[in-house]
Amino acid sequence: MEPAALVDPSASEDARRYVPRRPQDSPLYRVMAEHFETLERVHEERFEPTHGPLRPAARRAAGRFLDCGRLEHGFARVRCRACRAEFLVAFRCKGRQFCPSCHARRLAEWSLWLDEALLAAVAHRQVVLTLPKRLRAYVLHDRRRLGALSRVATRTLRAYVQSTLGDGAAVPGLIVCVQTFGSVAHFHPHLHVVMTDGAFQRDGRFVSLGEPDGAVLEGLWQRAVLAEFVRQGWLEEDAAAAMLGWPHSGFGAYVGPRISEREGVLRVARYSARAPVAESRLRYDGARGEVELVADRRDGPYAGVHRMTALEFLARWVDHVPDHYEVRVRYAGAYATRRRVWWRQRGVTLVSAVAAEAPRAPAPGWPALRARRRRWAELLRRVFKVEVDVCPRCGGEARIIGFVTAPEVVRTILAHQARRGVDARAGPWAAPAPG
């Protein structure tokens, strides 16, 4: 586990400082702490017919989430070299698609890696591919089918781009992000794709695509998905043929505008891989056991404020926990690992055709694993503009001096600070805790 942090929203851009978060004060934590055990008891009877069984991955994620950011479960000790002040930093659970704080950390790391090691210096577009309600139940009860949908999406988009450009060897760069949730955390599997606005030829030169036709892409997506369902034996041929004749099929293919700015592409990528619900849109009434969830849409059937019981909200929330080793982000085409290695071995750099005379410098060759192990303080500084390794008291250099995980030692240090009347989470204090 790694230390967890939060940005002080009231601080100015020049004086933003590290502020330990208080997870037990968040509405999501309170809902989980007060109602998850009840959900485990009643889920089979009340929610399994519509949400499927309560998966082991959801139980594990819930337990780790309740320990995330709590000093009682271990912490790092940080000390200033100048004034010897100390403060404690709690560990995090590293939960995917469940813990908002840890998932935000993942997005920050991932965004840096995209910027420094993957994205080519070309324009991109956002593509959203949706499924009809009839097919969503197939995915609810077998999450492995999300991977099949991702592969169908990559084949469809690659074929569309190659057909439009008239070049069967050209490949677009694709980042396919699986989302299982809708505006109010209901189960709504669909795909967000960050796609280059064109394709790369075998020599690495980029050819622009022009304005895509969403209606044509939607028809290709519909036929490709139904063909895959029939091939896998998930759907009968007669049912698939009937769905092809529906006037409103339920399939959708949204193609966004051209994005030339680097930060715009990264913003779309982070949005595509975001967590199901932002805590800022969540309200919890503990007395009534009710949750208010503000939709992220201003129009449509899901717009506005939605009220539900805490158990109903948790039943929706745990639907989006990925299974162990479940892949939610895939890279295809020019961004596939195999093709990038093939180009790198031949000294080819992905450049724009209009900038071929002055190609962009090759991206750093470090692997994703090294990017994920970037120093925690450096990541906070680059992403959130927070100086966690600067002492809040004197401005001196602060550094981690140790990690405390033994339960008895944790209780001793926290009890010592409580006797001194010091908030161990607020820090720093003048003298280190004994032992």
Protein backbone atom coordinates (compact mmCIF):
# COMPACT_ATOMS: atom_id res chain seq x y z
CA MET A 1 0.00 0.00 0.00
CA GLU A 2 1.10 3.58 -0.58
CA PRO A 3 0.40 6.89 1.19
CA ALA A 4 -2.88 8.61 0.36
CA ALA A 5 -3.22 12.34 -0.12
CA LEU A 6 -5.63 15.09 -0.96
CA VAL A 7 -5.22 18.60 -2.34
CA ASP A 8 -6.33 21.55 -0.25
CA PRO A 9 -8.99 23.12 -2.56
CA SER A 10 -8.93 26.45 -0.76
CA ALA A 11 -5.20 27.03 -1.23
CA SER A 12 -3.87 29.28 -3.97
CA GLU A 13 -1.92 27.96 -6.95
CA ASP A 14 1.39 29.14 -5.45
CA ALA A 15 0.75 27.93 -1.92
CA ARG A 16 -1.05 24.64 -2.39
CA ARG A 17 0.04 22.21 0.27
CA TYR A 18 -0.43 18.58 1.13
CA VAL A 19 -3.54 17.94 3.25
CA PRO A 20 -4.22 14.39 4.45
CA ARG A 21 -7.72 13.33 3.47
CA ARG A 22 -10.30 12.12 5.97
CA PRO A 23 -12.03 9.21 4.24
CA GLN A 24 -14.43 8.59 7.13
CA ASP A 25 -15.99 12.01 6.50
CA SER A 26 -16.89 11.26 2.88
CA PRO A 27 -20.47 10.21 2.05
CA LEU A 28 -19.32 7.14 0.15
CA TYR A 29 -17.29 5.88 3.11
CA ARG A 30 -20.20 6.41 5.49
CA VAL A 31 -22.57 4.51 3.21
CA MET A 32 -20.11 1.62 2.91
CA ALA A 33 -19.33 1.49 6.64
CA GLU A 34 -22.98 1.58 7.71
CA HIS A 35 -24.67 -0.58 5.06
CA PHE A 36 -22.28 -2.98 3.31
CA GLU A 37 -22.68 -5.77 5.86
CA THR A 38 -26.45 -5.50 5.44
CA LEU A 39 -26.02 -5.65 1.67
CA GLU A 40 -24.06 -8.89 2.01
CA ARG A 41 -26.91 -10.45 3.98
CA VAL A 42 -29.77 -9.40 1.70
CA HIS A 43 -28.09 -9.24 -1.71
CA GLU A 44 -28.96 -12.77 -2.79
CA GLU A 45 -32.64 -12.32 -2.07
CA ARG A 46 -33.23 -8.69 -3.06
CA PHE A 47 -30.66 -7.80 -5.71
CA GLU A 48 -29.26 -10.95 -7.32
CA PRO A 49 -32.14 -11.35 -9.83
CA THR A 50 -31.39 -7.92 -11.34
CA HIS A 51 -27.70 -7.35 -10.47
CA GLY A 52 -26.30 -10.83 -10.54
CA PRO A 53 -24.45 -12.48 -7.63
CA LEU A 54 -22.27 -10.46 -5.27
CA ARG A 55 -18.84 -11.25 -6.65
CA PRO A 56 -15.76 -11.98 -4.48
CA ALA A 57 -13.94 -9.08 -6.15
CA ALA A 58 -16.58 -6.68 -4.79
CA ARG A 59 -16.23 -8.04 -1.25
CA ARG A 60 -12.44 -7.66 -1.36
CA ALA A 61 -12.64 -4.15 -2.77
CA ALA A 62 -15.11 -3.08 -0.08
CA GLY A 63 -12.91 -4.37 2.72
CA ARG A 64 -9.82 -2.63 1.39
CA PHE A 65 -11.75 0.58 0.77
CA LEU A 66 -12.81 0.77 4.43
CA ASP A 67 -9.11 0.56 5.43
CA CYS A 68 -7.93 3.12 2.84
CA GLY A 69 -6.54 6.36 4.24
CA ARG A 70 -7.01 5.33 7.89
CA LEU A 71 -4.03 5.78 10.18
CA GLU A 72 -5.29 2.89 12.31
CA HIS A 73 -4.20 0.50 9.55
CA GLY A 74 -0.64 1.77 9.14
CA PHE A 75 1.15 4.86 7.88
CA ALA A 76 4.39 6.43 6.72
CA ARG A 77 6.36 8.75 9.00
CA VAL A 78 7.57 11.94 7.31
CA ARG A 79 10.15 14.19 9.02
CA CYS A 80 11.56 17.61 8.18
CA ARG A 81 15.35 17.66 8.12
CA ALA A 82 15.51 21.27 9.29
CA CYS A 83 13.04 21.66 12.18
CA ARG A 84 12.53 17.93 12.89
CA ALA A 85 8.74 18.26 12.66
CA GLU A 86 6.85 15.10 11.79
CA PHE A 87 3.52 14.11 10.32
CA LEU A 88 1.89 10.82 9.43
CA VAL A 89 0.61 9.74 6.03
CA ALA A 90 -1.91 6.89 5.83
CA PHE A 91 -1.70 4.08 3.29
CA ARG A 92 -4.07 3.69 0.34
CA CYS A 93 -5.92 0.63 -0.97
CA LYS A 94 -5.07 1.00 -4.71
CA GLY A 95 -8.63 0.06 -5.62
CA ARG A 96 -9.66 0.22 -9.29
CA GLN A 97 -13.02 1.73 -10.24
CA PHE A 98 -14.10 1.68 -6.57
CA CYS A 99 -12.06 3.98 -4.34
CA PRO A 100 -12.30 7.51 -5.83
CA SER A 101 -9.01 8.67 -4.31
CA CYS A 102 -6.95 5.68 -5.43
CA HIS A 103 -8.53 5.62 -8.87
CA ALA A 104 -7.68 9.31 -9.27
CA ARG A 105 -4.07 8.43 -8.47
CA ARG A 106 -4.15 5.74 -11.16
CA LEU A 107 -5.53 8.21 -13.68
CA ALA A 108 -2.78 10.69 -12.80
CA GLU A 109 -0.06 8.09 -13.37
CA TRP A 110 -1.70 6.85 -16.53
CA SER A 111 -2.11 10.35 -17.93
CA LEU A 112 1.59 11.07 -17.43
CA TRP A 113 2.52 7.83 -19.17
CA LEU A 114 0.23 8.61 -22.10
CA ASP A 115 1.76 12.04 -22.48
CA GLU A 116 5.38 10.92 -22.22
CA ALA A 117 5.45 7.47 -23.78
CA LEU A 118 2.44 6.68 -25.96
CA LEU A 119 0.43 9.44 -27.66
CA ALA A 120 1.67 10.53 -31.07
CA ALA A 121 1.85 14.22 -31.97
CA VAL A 122 -1.31 14.11 -34.10
CA ALA A 123 -4.96 15.05 -33.66
CA HIS A 124 -7.36 12.62 -31.98
CA ARG A 125 -11.09 12.06 -31.64
CA GLN A 126 -13.34 10.53 -29.02
CA VAL A 127 -15.59 7.68 -30.15
CA VAL A 128 -18.34 6.25 -27.90
CA LEU A 129 -19.87 2.87 -28.81
CA THR A 130 -23.02 1.73 -26.99
CA LEU A 131 -25.13 -1.44 -26.79
CA PRO A 132 -28.92 -1.97 -26.70
CA LYS A 133 -30.51 -2.93 -23.38
CA ARG A 134 -31.24 -6.43 -24.65
CA LEU A 135 -27.54 -7.28 -24.87
CA ARG A 136 -26.41 -5.72 -21.59
CA ALA A 137 -27.58 -8.67 -19.51
CA TYR A 138 -25.17 -10.94 -21.41
CA VAL A 139 -22.29 -8.83 -20.10
CA LEU A 140 -23.68 -8.48 -16.56
CA HIS A 141 -23.43 -12.22 -15.93
CA ASP A 142 -20.14 -12.79 -17.77
CA ARG A 143 -17.63 -9.93 -17.54
CA ARG A 144 -15.23 -11.69 -19.92
CA ARG A 145 -17.50 -10.59 -22.75
CA LEU A 146 -16.34 -7.02 -22.20
CA GLY A 147 -13.01 -8.07 -23.66
CA ALA A 148 -14.75 -9.52 -26.71
CA LEU A 149 -16.60 -6.24 -27.23
CA SER A 150 -13.31 -4.33 -27.05
CA ARG A 151 -11.79 -6.53 -29.73
CA VAL A 152 -14.87 -6.08 -31.93
CA ALA A 153 -14.58 -2.31 -31.50
CA THR A 154 -10.91 -2.25 -32.55
CA ARG A 155 -11.59 -4.38 -35.63
CA THR A 156 -14.56 -2.21 -36.60
CA LEU A 157 -12.75 1.11 -36.23
CA ARG A 158 -9.64 -0.14 -38.02
CA ALA A 159 -11.72 -1.47 -40.92
CA TYR A 160 -13.67 1.80 -41.14
CA VAL A 161 -10.52 3.94 -41.21
CA GLN A 162 -8.78 1.70 -43.76
CA SER A 163 -11.85 1.68 -45.98
CA THR A 164 -12.23 5.46 -45.77
CA LEU A 165 -8.56 6.07 -46.61
CA GLY A 166 -8.39 3.28 -49.20
CA ASP A 167 -5.25 1.87 -47.60
CA GLY A 168 -5.48 -1.62 -46.11
CA ALA A 169 -2.05 -1.36 -44.47
CA ALA A 170 -2.65 1.91 -42.59
CA VAL A 171 -3.59 1.59 -38.90
CA PRO A 172 -5.09 4.15 -36.51
CA GLY A 173 -3.96 4.50 -32.91
CA LEU A 174 -6.67 3.25 -30.54
CA ILE A 175 -7.09 3.39 -26.76
CA VAL A 176 -10.24 1.47 -25.81
CA CYS A 177 -11.65 2.14 -22.32
CA VAL A 178 -14.49 -0.02 -20.97
CA GLN A 179 -17.14 1.71 -18.90
CA THR A 180 -19.84 -0.33 -17.17
CA PHE A 181 -21.80 2.56 -15.66
CA GLY A 182 -24.26 5.21 -16.75
CA SER A 183 -25.03 8.69 -15.42
CA VAL A 184 -26.52 7.46 -12.13
CA ALA A 185 -24.26 4.43 -11.53
CA HIS A 186 -26.68 1.98 -13.20
CA PHE A 187 -25.23 -0.88 -15.24
CA HIS A 188 -24.66 0.41 -18.77
CA PRO A 189 -21.67 -1.23 -20.51
CA HIS A 190 -20.20 0.81 -23.34
CA LEU A 191 -16.84 1.75 -24.80
CA HIS A 192 -14.99 5.06 -24.91
CA VAL A 193 -12.26 5.10 -27.55
CA VAL A 194 -9.52 7.68 -28.00
CA MET A 195 -8.66 7.36 -31.70
CA THR A 196 -6.17 9.16 -33.89
CA ASP A 197 -7.85 11.33 -36.51
CA GLY A 198 -6.33 9.27 -39.28
CA ALA A 199 -3.93 6.35 -39.64
CA PHE A 200 -0.22 5.59 -39.78
CA GLN A 201 1.36 3.99 -42.82
CA ARG A 202 4.05 1.33 -42.55
CA ASP A 203 6.83 3.94 -42.64
CA GLY A 204 5.24 5.84 -39.71
CA ARG A 205 3.82 8.72 -41.74
CA PHE A 206 0.37 9.94 -40.71
CA VAL A 207 -2.59 10.36 -43.08
CA SER A 208 -5.54 12.48 -41.90
CA LEU A 209 -9.00 10.93 -41.96
CA GLY A 210 -11.30 13.86 -42.54
CA GLU A 211 -14.80 14.12 -41.04
CA PRO A 212 -16.06 10.63 -40.06
CA ASP A 213 -19.62 9.51 -40.78
CA GLY A 214 -21.22 8.44 -37.49
CA ALA A 215 -24.20 6.76 -39.16
CA VAL A 216 -21.97 4.49 -41.25
CA LEU A 217 -19.85 3.64 -38.23
CA GLU A 218 -22.95 2.82 -36.19
CA GLY A 219 -24.15 0.35 -38.83
CA LEU A 220 -20.74 -1.35 -38.94
CA TRP A 221 -20.67 -1.57 -35.14
CA GLN A 222 -24.16 -3.08 -34.99
CA ARG A 223 -23.44 -5.77 -37.56
CA ALA A 224 -20.05 -6.60 -36.04
CA VAL A 225 -21.43 -7.01 -32.50
CA LEU A 226 -24.36 -9.18 -33.59
CA ALA A 227 -22.05 -11.33 -35.72
CA GLU A 228 -19.75 -11.83 -32.71
CA PHE A 229 -22.67 -12.77 -30.45
CA VAL A 230 -23.86 -15.33 -33.00
CA ARG A 231 -20.36 -16.72 -33.55
CA GLN A 232 -19.84 -17.19 -29.80
CA GLY A 233 -23.23 -18.85 -29.42
CA TRP A 234 -24.59 -16.14 -27.14
CA LEU A 235 -27.41 -15.19 -29.52
CA GLU A 236 -29.48 -17.12 -32.03
CA GLU A 237 -29.19 -16.17 -35.71
CA ASP A 238 -32.93 -15.47 -35.94
CA ALA A 239 -32.76 -13.08 -32.99
CA ALA A 240 -29.76 -11.29 -34.48
CA ALA A 241 -31.50 -10.96 -37.84
CA ALA A 242 -34.59 -9.52 -36.13
CA MET A 243 -32.45 -6.95 -34.29
CA LEU A 244 -30.92 -5.84 -37.58
CA GLY A 245 -34.42 -4.91 -38.74
CA TRP A 246 -35.30 -2.81 -35.72
CA PRO A 247 -35.94 0.85 -36.66
CA HIS A 248 -34.30 1.91 -33.38
CA SER A 249 -31.62 -0.68 -32.76
CA GLY A 250 -30.24 0.69 -29.49
CA PHE A 251 -26.71 0.61 -30.91
CA GLY A 252 -24.90 3.92 -30.98
CA ALA A 253 -21.68 5.38 -32.36
CA TYR A 254 -20.83 8.93 -31.32
CA VAL A 255 -17.82 10.56 -33.00
CA GLY A 256 -16.55 13.67 -31.26
CA PRO A 257 -14.87 16.71 -32.76
CA ARG A 258 -11.23 16.82 -33.77
CA ILE A 259 -8.91 17.45 -30.80
CA SER A 260 -5.55 18.97 -31.64
CA GLU A 261 -4.41 20.19 -28.19
CA ARG A 262 -2.39 17.70 -26.17
CA GLU A 263 -4.12 18.55 -22.90
CA GLY A 264 -7.51 18.11 -24.56
CA VAL A 265 -6.61 14.56 -25.61
CA LEU A 266 -5.39 13.74 -22.10
CA ARG A 267 -8.57 15.19 -20.59
CA VAL A 268 -10.72 12.97 -22.82
CA ALA A 269 -8.59 9.94 -21.92
CA ARG A 270 -9.01 10.58 -18.20
CA TYR A 271 -12.76 11.04 -18.69
CA SER A 272 -12.95 7.76 -20.60
CA ALA A 273 -11.31 5.82 -17.75
CA ARG A 274 -12.92 7.67 -14.82
CA ALA A 275 -14.54 6.11 -11.74
CA PRO A 276 -18.32 5.44 -11.75
CA VAL A 277 -19.32 8.32 -9.45
CA ALA A 278 -17.59 11.48 -8.28
CA GLU A 279 -18.04 12.01 -4.55
CA SER A 280 -18.90 15.65 -5.22
CA ARG A 281 -22.17 14.44 -6.79
CA LEU A 282 -23.10 12.22 -3.84
CA ARG A 283 -25.18 13.13 -0.77
CA TYR A 284 -26.00 10.77 2.09
CA ASP A 285 -28.78 11.08 4.69
CA GLY A 286 -27.75 8.73 7.48
CA ALA A 287 -30.98 9.17 9.45
CA ARG A 288 -33.12 7.97 6.54
CA GLY A 289 -30.55 5.67 4.99
CA GLU A 290 -30.99 7.40 1.63
CA VAL A 291 -28.56 8.54 -1.04
CA GLU A 292 -28.96 11.47 -3.41
CA LEU A 293 -26.99 11.17 -6.63
CA VAL A 294 -26.70 14.09 -9.04
CA ALA A 295 -26.48 12.89 -12.62
CA ASP A 296 -23.60 14.10 -14.79
CA ARG A 297 -26.05 14.95 -17.59
CA ARG A 298 -28.10 18.13 -17.92
CA ASP A 299 -30.71 16.68 -20.26
CA GLY A 300 -32.23 13.32 -21.07
CA PRO A 301 -34.06 10.76 -18.92
CA TYR A 302 -31.28 10.54 -16.32
CA ALA A 303 -30.77 14.26 -15.75
CA GLY A 304 -31.33 15.81 -12.34
CA VAL A 305 -31.16 14.43 -8.79
CA HIS A 306 -31.93 10.75 -8.18
CA ARG A 307 -32.88 9.46 -4.72
CA MET A 308 -32.50 5.84 -3.69
CA THR A 309 -31.92 3.74 -0.60
CA ALA A 310 -28.35 3.19 0.54
CA LEU A 311 -28.66 -0.53 -0.22
CA GLU A 312 -29.83 0.14 -3.76
CA PHE A 313 -26.94 2.53 -4.32
CA LEU A 314 -24.40 0.00 -3.01
CA ALA A 315 -25.90 -2.74 -5.18
CA ARG A 316 -25.28 -0.50 -8.18
CA TRP A 317 -21.83 0.57 -7.02
CA VAL A 318 -20.39 -2.93 -6.56
CA ASP A 319 -21.53 -3.90 -10.08
CA HIS A 320 -18.65 -1.84 -11.45
CA VAL A 321 -15.78 -3.44 -9.51
CA PRO A 322 -13.46 -5.16 -12.01
CA ASP A 323 -12.74 -8.81 -11.47
CA HIS A 324 -9.20 -9.81 -10.65
CA TYR A 325 -6.99 -9.38 -13.74
CA GLU A 326 -9.91 -7.90 -15.69
CA VAL A 327 -8.56 -5.49 -18.31
CA ARG A 328 -10.46 -2.21 -18.61
CA VAL A 329 -8.06 -0.36 -20.96
CA ARG A 330 -6.69 -1.82 -24.20
CA TYR A 331 -4.31 -0.47 -26.83
CA ALA A 332 -4.70 -1.41 -30.49
CA GLY A 333 -3.55 -0.42 -33.95
CA ALA A 334 -0.62 1.96 -33.90
CA TYR A 335 -0.73 2.03 -30.08
CA ALA A 336 -0.57 -1.75 -29.68
CA THR A 337 2.58 -2.90 -27.90
CA ARG A 338 3.61 -5.31 -30.65
CA ARG A 339 3.36 -2.68 -33.38
CA ARG A 340 5.18 -0.05 -31.34
CA VAL A 341 8.03 -2.49 -30.74
CA TRP A 342 8.10 -3.36 -34.46
CA TRP A 343 8.39 0.33 -35.39
CA ARG A 344 10.97 1.04 -32.70
CA GLN A 345 13.19 -1.82 -33.90
CA ARG A 346 13.18 -0.25 -37.37
CA GLY A 347 13.84 3.26 -36.08
CA VAL A 348 10.42 4.56 -37.13
CA THR A 349 8.91 7.48 -35.19
CA LEU A 350 5.20 8.24 -35.41
CA VAL A 351 5.09 11.75 -36.90
CA SER A 352 2.59 13.88 -38.73
CA ALA A 353 2.95 13.99 -42.49
CA VAL A 354 3.01 17.80 -42.40
CA ALA A 355 5.84 17.75 -39.86
CA ALA A 356 7.94 15.03 -41.44
CA GLU A 357 10.83 17.45 -42.00
CA ALA A 358 11.03 18.19 -38.26
CA PRO A 359 9.87 15.01 -36.53
CA ARG A 360 8.94 14.98 -32.90
CA ALA A 361 11.61 13.65 -30.56
CA PRO A 362 11.05 9.99 -29.67
CA ALA A 363 9.10 9.44 -26.50
CA PRO A 364 11.04 8.12 -23.48
CA GLY A 365 11.61 4.41 -23.81
CA TRP A 366 10.82 3.55 -20.20
CA PRO A 367 8.16 0.86 -19.65
CA ALA A 368 4.79 1.36 -18.03
CA LEU A 369 5.93 -0.37 -14.85
CA ARG A 370 8.61 2.25 -14.26
CA ALA A 371 6.07 5.03 -14.80
CA ARG A 372 3.77 3.46 -12.22
CA ARG A 373 6.61 3.46 -9.68
CA ARG A 374 7.28 7.17 -10.06
CA ARG A 375 7.99 8.82 -6.73
CA TRP A 376 4.81 9.71 -4.90
CA ALA A 377 5.94 13.26 -4.08
CA GLU A 378 6.97 13.92 -7.69
CA LEU A 379 3.61 12.69 -8.96
CA LEU A 380 1.69 15.00 -6.60
CA ARG A 381 3.87 17.93 -7.63
CA ARG A 382 3.44 17.37 -11.36
CA VAL A 383 -0.26 16.53 -11.37
CA PHE A 384 -1.78 18.39 -8.41
CA LYS A 385 0.86 21.12 -7.83
CA VAL A 386 1.26 19.93 -4.22
CA GLU A 387 4.58 20.06 -2.37
CA VAL A 388 4.34 17.02 -0.12
CA ASP A 389 8.10 16.85 0.48
CA VAL A 390 8.25 20.44 1.73
CA CYS A 391 7.71 21.02 5.47
CA PRO A 392 4.52 23.06 6.07
CA ARG A 393 6.12 24.65 9.14
CA CYS A 394 9.50 25.91 7.97
CA GLY A 395 9.62 25.12 4.25
CA GLY A 396 12.51 22.73 4.68
CA GLU A 397 12.98 19.38 3.00
CA ALA A 398 10.75 16.60 4.32
CA ARG A 399 11.39 12.94 3.68
CA ILE A 400 9.85 9.59 4.57
CA ILE A 401 11.82 8.01 7.40
CA GLY A 402 9.89 4.78 7.80
CA PHE A 403 6.71 2.79 7.43
CA VAL A 404 4.72 1.62 10.43
CA THR A 405 2.52 -1.43 9.87
CA ALA A 406 2.65 -3.45 13.11
CA PRO A 407 -0.74 -3.02 14.83
CA GLU A 408 0.72 -2.63 18.33
CA VAL A 409 3.18 0.05 17.23
CA VAL A 410 0.45 1.88 15.29
CA ARG A 411 -1.80 1.94 18.37
CA THR A 412 1.06 3.10 20.60
CA ILE A 413 1.99 6.06 18.38
CA LEU A 414 -1.61 7.18 17.86
CA ALA A 415 -2.37 6.84 21.58
CA HIS A 416 0.73 8.90 22.41
CA GLN A 417 -0.39 11.72 20.10
CA ALA A 418 -3.92 11.55 21.51
CA ARG A 419 -2.57 11.97 25.06
CA ARG A 420 -0.64 15.02 23.90
CA GLY A 421 -3.81 16.44 22.42
CA VAL A 422 -2.32 16.38 18.90
CA ASP A 423 -4.30 15.46 15.82
CA ALA A 424 -1.99 12.84 14.34
CA ARG A 425 -3.48 13.40 10.90
CA ALA A 426 -3.11 17.18 10.93
CA GLY A 427 0.64 17.38 11.77
CA PRO A 428 3.31 18.43 11.87
CA TRP A 429 4.31 18.42 15.56
CA ALA A 430 7.56 19.47 17.13
CA ALA A 431 8.81 16.17 18.50
CA PRO A 432 8.61 12.69 17.01
CA ALA A 433 6.53 9.99 18.66
CA PRO A 434 8.51 7.63 20.92
CA GLY A 435 9.68 4.26 19.67
